[in-house]
Amino acid sequence: SLFATLSILCVLISVIGAVTIMGWTLGTNEAILISILAGFSVDYVVHLAHAYVSSTGRSTAERIKDSFGDMGISVFSGMLTSVVASIPLFLCYLTFFAKFGTFLCFTIAFSWLFANFFFMSILAQANISMKPTKGIAL
């Protein structure tokens, strides 16, 4: 859970940093978007963490492989559809929707990147020993 929290924190910092670089200042729209940021950031890390914990693999390498095998395509498909759905929002004339599209795209992209390349890499390096769960979801 510490690694998942660290990954989510990295997403939060990255998204806020990216929109700050774009010149956004804290207003009503940005405050609303930041308040929902953590909820969007959790999804991919939680899915991969659950797949890792519920894996029947005996070694860390087997658990990582099982996690990507079980949830990798689902997580990728979720990311892809969310990013594609945010693209039309870039063209909106209403400020809130245009900013929401940008914000959603950044959040989903950073969340997917950190879940797949940061979180799973930390799990692989930490080499946490776990008893096989026989496929029972926790």
Protein backbone atom coordinates (compact mmCIF):
# COMPACT_ATOMS: atom_id res chain seq x y z
CA SER A 1 0.00 0.00 0.00
CA LEU A 2 2.96 2.30 0.57
CA PHE A 3 4.11 1.85 -3.03
CA ALA A 4 0.59 2.46 -4.35
CA THR A 5 0.29 5.62 -2.27
CA LEU A 6 3.66 6.81 -3.51
CA SER A 7 2.60 6.18 -7.11
CA ILE A 8 -0.65 8.11 -6.63
CA LEU A 9 1.26 10.98 -5.02
CA CYS A 10 3.57 11.10 -8.05
CA VAL A 11 0.54 11.36 -10.32
CA LEU A 12 -0.89 14.22 -8.25
CA ILE A 13 2.38 16.14 -8.34
CA SER A 14 2.88 15.49 -12.07
CA VAL A 15 -0.60 16.66 -13.09
CA ILE A 16 -0.50 19.77 -10.91
CA GLY A 17 3.00 20.51 -12.22
CA ALA A 18 1.93 20.04 -15.85
CA VAL A 19 -1.05 22.39 -15.60
CA THR A 20 1.07 24.93 -13.72
CA ILE A 21 3.62 24.83 -16.55
CA MET A 22 0.71 25.46 -18.93
CA GLY A 23 0.04 28.70 -17.05
CA TRP A 24 -3.07 27.72 -15.13
CA THR A 25 -3.66 29.56 -11.87
CA LEU A 26 -5.80 28.34 -9.00
CA GLY A 27 -9.40 29.37 -9.57
CA THR A 28 -12.79 27.78 -9.11
CA ASN A 29 -12.45 25.45 -12.10
CA GLU A 30 -8.98 24.30 -11.10
CA ALA A 31 -10.04 23.74 -7.47
CA ILE A 32 -12.91 21.51 -8.62
CA LEU A 33 -10.59 19.56 -10.92
CA ILE A 34 -7.92 19.11 -8.24
CA SER A 35 -10.54 17.82 -5.81
CA ILE A 36 -11.35 14.91 -8.16
CA LEU A 37 -7.74 14.25 -9.12
CA ALA A 38 -7.05 11.60 -6.48
CA GLY A 39 -10.12 9.60 -7.49
CA PHE A 40 -9.00 9.40 -11.11
CA SER A 41 -5.41 8.61 -10.08
CA VAL A 42 -6.20 5.52 -8.03
CA ASP A 43 -7.84 3.29 -10.63
CA TYR A 44 -4.92 1.70 -12.50
CA VAL A 45 -2.68 1.24 -9.45
CA VAL A 46 -5.46 -0.49 -7.53
CA HIS A 47 -6.26 -2.86 -10.41
CA LEU A 48 -2.62 -3.88 -10.85
CA ALA A 49 -2.06 -4.17 -7.08
CA HIS A 50 -5.09 -6.41 -6.70
CA ALA A 51 -3.93 -8.58 -9.60
CA TYR A 52 -0.49 -8.83 -7.96
CA VAL A 53 -1.86 -9.81 -4.55
CA SER A 54 -4.36 -12.33 -5.92
CA SER A 55 -1.83 -13.96 -8.26
CA THR A 56 -1.06 -17.63 -7.79
CA GLY A 57 2.60 -17.10 -8.69
CA ARG A 58 5.22 -18.16 -6.18
CA SER A 59 7.91 -15.66 -7.12
CA THR A 60 7.74 -11.91 -7.59
CA ALA A 61 8.52 -12.29 -11.30
CA GLU A 62 5.60 -14.71 -11.72
CA ARG A 63 3.27 -12.35 -9.86
CA ILE A 64 4.32 -9.39 -12.02
CA LYS A 65 3.81 -11.45 -15.17
CA ASP A 66 0.42 -12.67 -13.93
CA SER A 67 -0.62 -9.12 -13.02
CA PHE A 68 0.14 -7.78 -16.46
CA GLY A 69 -1.41 -10.85 -18.05
CA ASP A 70 -4.63 -10.58 -16.05
CA MET A 71 -5.14 -6.82 -15.88
CA GLY A 72 -2.67 -5.28 -18.31
CA ILE A 73 -4.95 -5.20 -21.34
CA SER A 74 -7.92 -4.02 -19.28
CA VAL A 75 -5.92 -1.20 -17.74
CA PHE A 76 -4.54 -0.25 -21.16
CA SER A 77 -8.00 -0.30 -22.75
CA GLY A 78 -9.40 1.85 -19.94
CA MET A 79 -6.60 4.37 -20.40
CA LEU A 80 -7.00 4.47 -24.16
CA THR A 81 -10.77 4.99 -24.12
CA SER A 82 -10.52 7.69 -21.44
CA VAL A 83 -7.83 9.60 -23.33
CA VAL A 84 -9.74 9.34 -26.62
CA ALA A 85 -12.93 10.50 -24.85
CA SER A 86 -11.10 13.57 -23.49
CA ILE A 87 -9.88 14.73 -26.93
CA PRO A 88 -13.19 16.29 -28.09
CA LEU A 89 -13.26 18.33 -24.88
CA PHE A 90 -10.12 20.17 -26.07
CA LEU A 91 -12.26 21.82 -28.75
CA CYS A 92 -14.94 23.15 -26.38
CA TYR A 93 -15.53 26.88 -26.09
CA LEU A 94 -16.63 26.65 -22.48
CA THR A 95 -13.56 27.02 -20.29
CA PHE A 96 -14.56 24.38 -17.77
CA PHE A 97 -14.99 21.64 -20.38
CA ALA A 98 -11.79 22.54 -22.22
CA LYS A 99 -9.84 22.49 -18.96
CA PHE A 100 -11.56 19.29 -17.86
CA GLY A 101 -10.49 17.58 -21.09
CA THR A 102 -6.89 18.65 -20.62
CA PHE A 103 -6.94 17.72 -16.96
CA LEU A 104 -8.51 14.32 -17.63
CA CYS A 105 -6.02 13.52 -20.37
CA PHE A 106 -3.04 14.43 -18.15
CA THR A 107 -4.43 12.54 -15.16
CA ILE A 108 -5.18 9.36 -17.08
CA ALA A 109 -1.87 9.41 -18.97
CA PHE A 110 0.25 10.03 -15.85
CA SER A 111 -1.76 7.50 -13.84
CA TRP A 112 -1.23 4.79 -16.45
CA LEU A 113 2.48 5.59 -16.81
CA PHE A 114 3.14 5.57 -13.07
CA ALA A 115 1.05 2.42 -12.48
CA ASN A 116 2.77 0.40 -15.19
CA PHE A 117 6.33 1.65 -15.10
CA PHE A 118 6.82 3.01 -11.58
CA PHE A 119 4.52 0.99 -9.32
CA MET A 120 5.10 -2.39 -10.95
CA SER A 121 8.86 -1.74 -11.13
CA ILE A 122 8.97 -0.97 -7.42
CA LEU A 123 7.05 -4.18 -6.69
CA ALA A 124 9.50 -6.12 -8.82
CA GLN A 125 12.52 -4.59 -7.08
CA ALA A 126 11.10 -4.89 -3.56
CA ASN A 127 10.76 -8.66 -3.99
CA ILE A 128 8.05 -8.94 -1.35
CA SER A 129 7.43 -12.57 -0.50
CA MET A 130 3.78 -13.60 -0.40
CA LYS A 131 1.98 -16.87 0.03
CA PRO A 132 0.04 -17.98 -3.06
CA THR A 133 -3.65 -17.18 -2.70
CA LYS A 134 -4.90 -19.99 -4.96
CA GLY A 135 -6.70 -17.42 -7.08
CA ILE A 136 -8.99 -16.26 -4.29
CA ALA A 137 -9.68 -12.53 -4.52
CA LEU A 138 -8.86 -10.67 -1.34
